[in-house]
Amino acid sequence: MTHHDSGNVWAMSSTSPYPMVKYDPAANTITTYPTTITAVEEPRIGWDPVSKKLYVAPGYDLPLLYSFDPGTGDFVAEASVPAAGGGTGTGMGDPFCSDRSGHLCAIGDTGCDDSATMFQYDIQTDSWKRIPDVAFSNHGCAGACTVSDDGWLYFTDGESGEFSRLQLQ
């Protein structure tokens, strides 16, 4: 789940046909929006106020990334997370977050395996780049991340309680 600037809360349904779901707390209403996604397994969502879009990683075992424009309802396939050695990755681990300034961060090429391979997505250029690996390698399953206002990317593995951070450029 995530929220965007107007205060609405967004999620993706894990039930086919996998719609985006918007909860409006002020009106106490739920609205669904169709997507083009055909498979979902533990989806993650991030909001970017620069592009005014939501970004969806539909599954830990998929390298896919989509954008959703709440203003138009457009749902677009974006560049897939790469493999650590090049090509297309095999998945995108659970840690996935927006820095809310034009970038996304994700553990990549993992599926639900342990990994320290970190990638940053540039929304404007629709491209991924590898950034320094995180300090420990068991982020694939149950991990989480967030980016602070001062440019630090924080991680937890979600299992052992380990915590680390990385200064973004």
Protein backbone atom coordinates (compact mmCIF):
# COMPACT_ATOMS: atom_id res chain seq x y z
CA MET A 1 0.00 0.00 0.00
CA THR A 2 0.92 3.62 -0.37
CA HIS A 3 -0.74 7.02 -0.29
CA HIS A 4 -0.48 9.94 -2.62
CA ASP A 5 -0.52 13.69 -2.10
CA SER A 6 -4.31 14.03 -1.91
CA GLY A 7 -4.44 11.51 0.95
CA ASN A 8 -6.00 8.60 -0.90
CA VAL A 9 -4.65 5.15 -0.06
CA TRP A 10 -3.76 2.79 -2.91
CA ALA A 11 -3.31 -0.97 -3.10
CA MET A 12 -3.43 -3.71 -5.70
CA SER A 13 -5.83 -6.59 -5.39
CA SER A 14 -4.28 -10.05 -5.34
CA THR A 15 -7.44 -11.46 -6.90
CA SER A 16 -7.79 -11.71 -10.70
CA PRO A 17 -8.24 -9.45 -12.66
CA TYR A 18 -5.86 -7.59 -10.28
CA PRO A 19 -7.35 -4.09 -10.18
CA MET A 20 -5.78 -1.06 -8.53
CA VAL A 21 -7.83 -0.12 -5.49
CA LYS A 22 -8.22 3.43 -4.16
CA TYR A 23 -9.57 4.15 -0.71
CA ASP A 24 -10.72 7.72 -0.14
CA PRO A 25 -10.69 8.25 3.66
CA ALA A 26 -12.64 11.53 3.49
CA ALA A 27 -15.54 9.93 1.62
CA ASN A 28 -15.02 6.42 3.05
CA THR A 29 -15.28 4.99 -0.48
CA ILE A 30 -13.39 2.36 -2.46
CA THR A 31 -12.89 2.65 -6.22
CA THR A 32 -11.28 0.00 -8.45
CA TYR A 33 -9.36 0.58 -11.68
CA PRO A 34 -8.61 -2.11 -14.28
CA THR A 35 -5.00 -3.05 -15.02
CA THR A 36 -3.19 -5.05 -17.68
CA ILE A 37 -1.35 -7.22 -15.16
CA THR A 38 -1.87 -10.95 -15.63
CA ALA A 39 -0.05 -12.27 -12.54
CA VAL A 40 0.36 -10.86 -9.03
CA GLU A 41 2.30 -12.25 -6.08
CA GLU A 42 2.82 -9.87 -3.14
CA PRO A 43 2.61 -6.60 -5.12
CA ARG A 44 4.42 -3.46 -3.94
CA ILE A 45 3.42 0.12 -4.79
CA GLY A 46 5.22 3.44 -4.59
CA TRP A 47 3.98 6.99 -5.28
CA ASP A 48 6.06 9.56 -7.12
CA PRO A 49 4.84 13.16 -6.80
CA VAL A 50 7.16 14.34 -9.60
CA SER A 51 5.49 12.19 -12.29
CA LYS A 52 2.19 12.07 -10.37
CA LYS A 53 2.06 8.30 -10.88
CA LEU A 54 1.94 5.15 -8.82
CA TYR A 55 4.58 2.50 -9.60
CA VAL A 56 3.75 -1.17 -9.17
CA ALA A 57 6.07 -4.16 -8.82
CA PRO A 58 3.48 -6.95 -9.16
CA GLY A 59 5.48 -9.87 -7.83
CA TYR A 60 8.63 -10.87 -5.98
CA ASP A 61 9.17 -13.56 -8.63
CA LEU A 62 8.71 -11.17 -11.56
CA PRO A 63 11.15 -8.48 -12.83
CA LEU A 64 8.23 -6.33 -14.04
CA LEU A 65 7.39 -2.71 -13.29
CA TYR A 66 4.26 -0.76 -14.21
CA SER A 67 3.12 2.83 -13.81
CA PHE A 68 -0.45 3.88 -13.10
CA ASP A 69 -1.71 7.42 -13.64
CA PRO A 70 -4.57 8.07 -11.19
CA GLY A 71 -5.65 11.11 -13.24
CA THR A 72 -6.18 9.22 -16.50
CA GLY A 73 -6.38 5.57 -15.41
CA ASP A 74 -3.54 4.72 -17.83
CA PHE A 75 -1.56 1.63 -16.88
CA VAL A 76 1.82 1.29 -18.65
CA ALA A 77 4.58 -1.36 -18.64
CA GLU A 78 7.93 0.21 -17.74
CA ALA A 79 11.50 -1.16 -17.99
CA SER A 80 12.00 -4.43 -16.10
CA VAL A 81 14.58 -4.62 -13.33
CA PRO A 82 17.84 -5.94 -14.80
CA ALA A 83 19.82 -8.97 -13.74
CA ALA A 84 22.93 -8.27 -11.68
CA GLY A 85 25.11 -9.29 -14.63
CA GLY A 86 22.96 -7.66 -17.35
CA GLY A 87 19.85 -8.74 -19.25
CA THR A 88 16.48 -9.03 -17.54
CA GLY A 89 16.29 -10.10 -13.92
CA THR A 90 14.38 -13.09 -12.63
CA GLY A 91 12.45 -11.18 -10.01
CA MET A 92 12.27 -8.17 -7.75
CA GLY A 93 12.59 -8.89 -4.03
CA ASP A 94 10.23 -7.46 -1.43
CA PRO A 95 12.19 -4.24 -0.69
CA PHE A 96 10.71 -1.71 -3.13
CA CYS A 97 10.23 1.99 -2.39
CA SER A 98 9.95 5.46 -3.88
CA ASP A 99 12.20 8.33 -2.90
CA ARG A 100 9.32 10.66 -3.88
CA SER A 101 11.68 12.66 -6.10
CA GLY A 102 11.74 10.77 -9.39
CA HIS A 103 13.32 7.44 -8.42
CA LEU A 104 12.43 3.99 -7.15
CA CYS A 105 14.72 1.60 -5.31
CA ALA A 106 14.48 -2.18 -5.30
CA ILE A 107 16.35 -5.34 -4.50
CA GLY A 108 16.55 -7.01 -7.88
CA ASP A 109 17.34 -10.26 -9.63
CA THR A 110 16.22 -12.25 -6.63
CA GLY A 111 12.74 -13.60 -6.77
CA CYS A 112 12.42 -14.53 -3.12
CA ASP A 113 16.04 -15.54 -2.66
CA ASP A 114 18.48 -13.73 -0.45
CA SER A 115 20.24 -10.89 -2.22
CA ALA A 116 22.13 -7.69 -1.62
CA THR A 117 21.89 -6.51 -5.26
CA MET A 118 20.35 -3.03 -5.24
CA PHE A 119 18.97 -1.08 -8.19
CA GLN A 120 17.65 2.46 -8.65
CA TYR A 121 15.05 3.29 -11.30
CA ASP A 122 15.03 6.73 -12.93
CA ILE A 123 11.41 7.53 -13.76
CA GLN A 124 12.24 10.24 -16.32
CA THR A 125 14.51 7.99 -18.43
CA ASP A 126 12.66 4.67 -17.76
CA SER A 127 15.97 3.04 -16.88
CA TRP A 128 17.52 1.08 -14.01
CA LYS A 129 21.07 1.33 -12.72
CA ARG A 130 22.87 -0.77 -10.19
CA ILE A 131 23.79 1.08 -7.00
CA PRO A 132 25.99 -0.17 -4.16
CA ASP A 133 24.86 -3.42 -2.58
CA VAL A 134 23.26 -3.32 0.83
CA ALA A 135 25.33 -4.31 3.86
CA PHE A 136 23.82 -7.77 4.28
CA SER A 137 22.34 -10.23 1.83
CA ASN A 138 19.09 -11.54 3.21
CA HIS A 139 16.66 -8.91 1.92
CA GLY A 140 14.90 -11.02 -0.72
CA CYS A 141 11.91 -12.17 1.35
CA ALA A 142 9.95 -10.10 3.84
CA GLY A 143 12.30 -7.12 3.62
CA ALA A 144 11.31 -3.48 3.31
CA CYS A 145 12.86 -0.12 2.42
CA THR A 146 12.16 3.58 2.62
CA VAL A 147 13.99 6.74 1.60
CA SER A 148 14.27 9.64 4.04
CA ASP A 149 14.01 13.29 3.03
CA ASP A 150 17.78 13.69 3.44
CA GLY A 151 18.58 11.00 0.84
CA TRP A 152 19.24 7.89 2.95
CA LEU A 153 17.85 4.56 1.76
CA TYR A 154 16.96 2.42 4.80
CA PHE A 155 16.48 -1.38 4.74
CA THR A 156 15.36 -4.11 7.03
CA ASP A 157 15.39 -7.78 6.17
CA GLY A 158 12.10 -8.39 7.96
CA GLU A 159 13.30 -11.69 9.38
CA SER A 160 16.39 -11.33 11.57
CA GLY A 161 15.89 -7.69 12.54
CA GLU A 162 19.02 -6.50 10.73
CA PHE A 163 18.89 -2.88 9.62
CA SER A 164 21.13 -0.94 7.25
CA ARG A 165 21.23 2.26 5.25
CA LEU A 166 22.81 3.58 2.07
CA GLN A 167 23.40 7.24 1.13
CA LEU A 168 21.88 7.87 -2.30
CA GLN A 169 23.60 10.17 -4.79
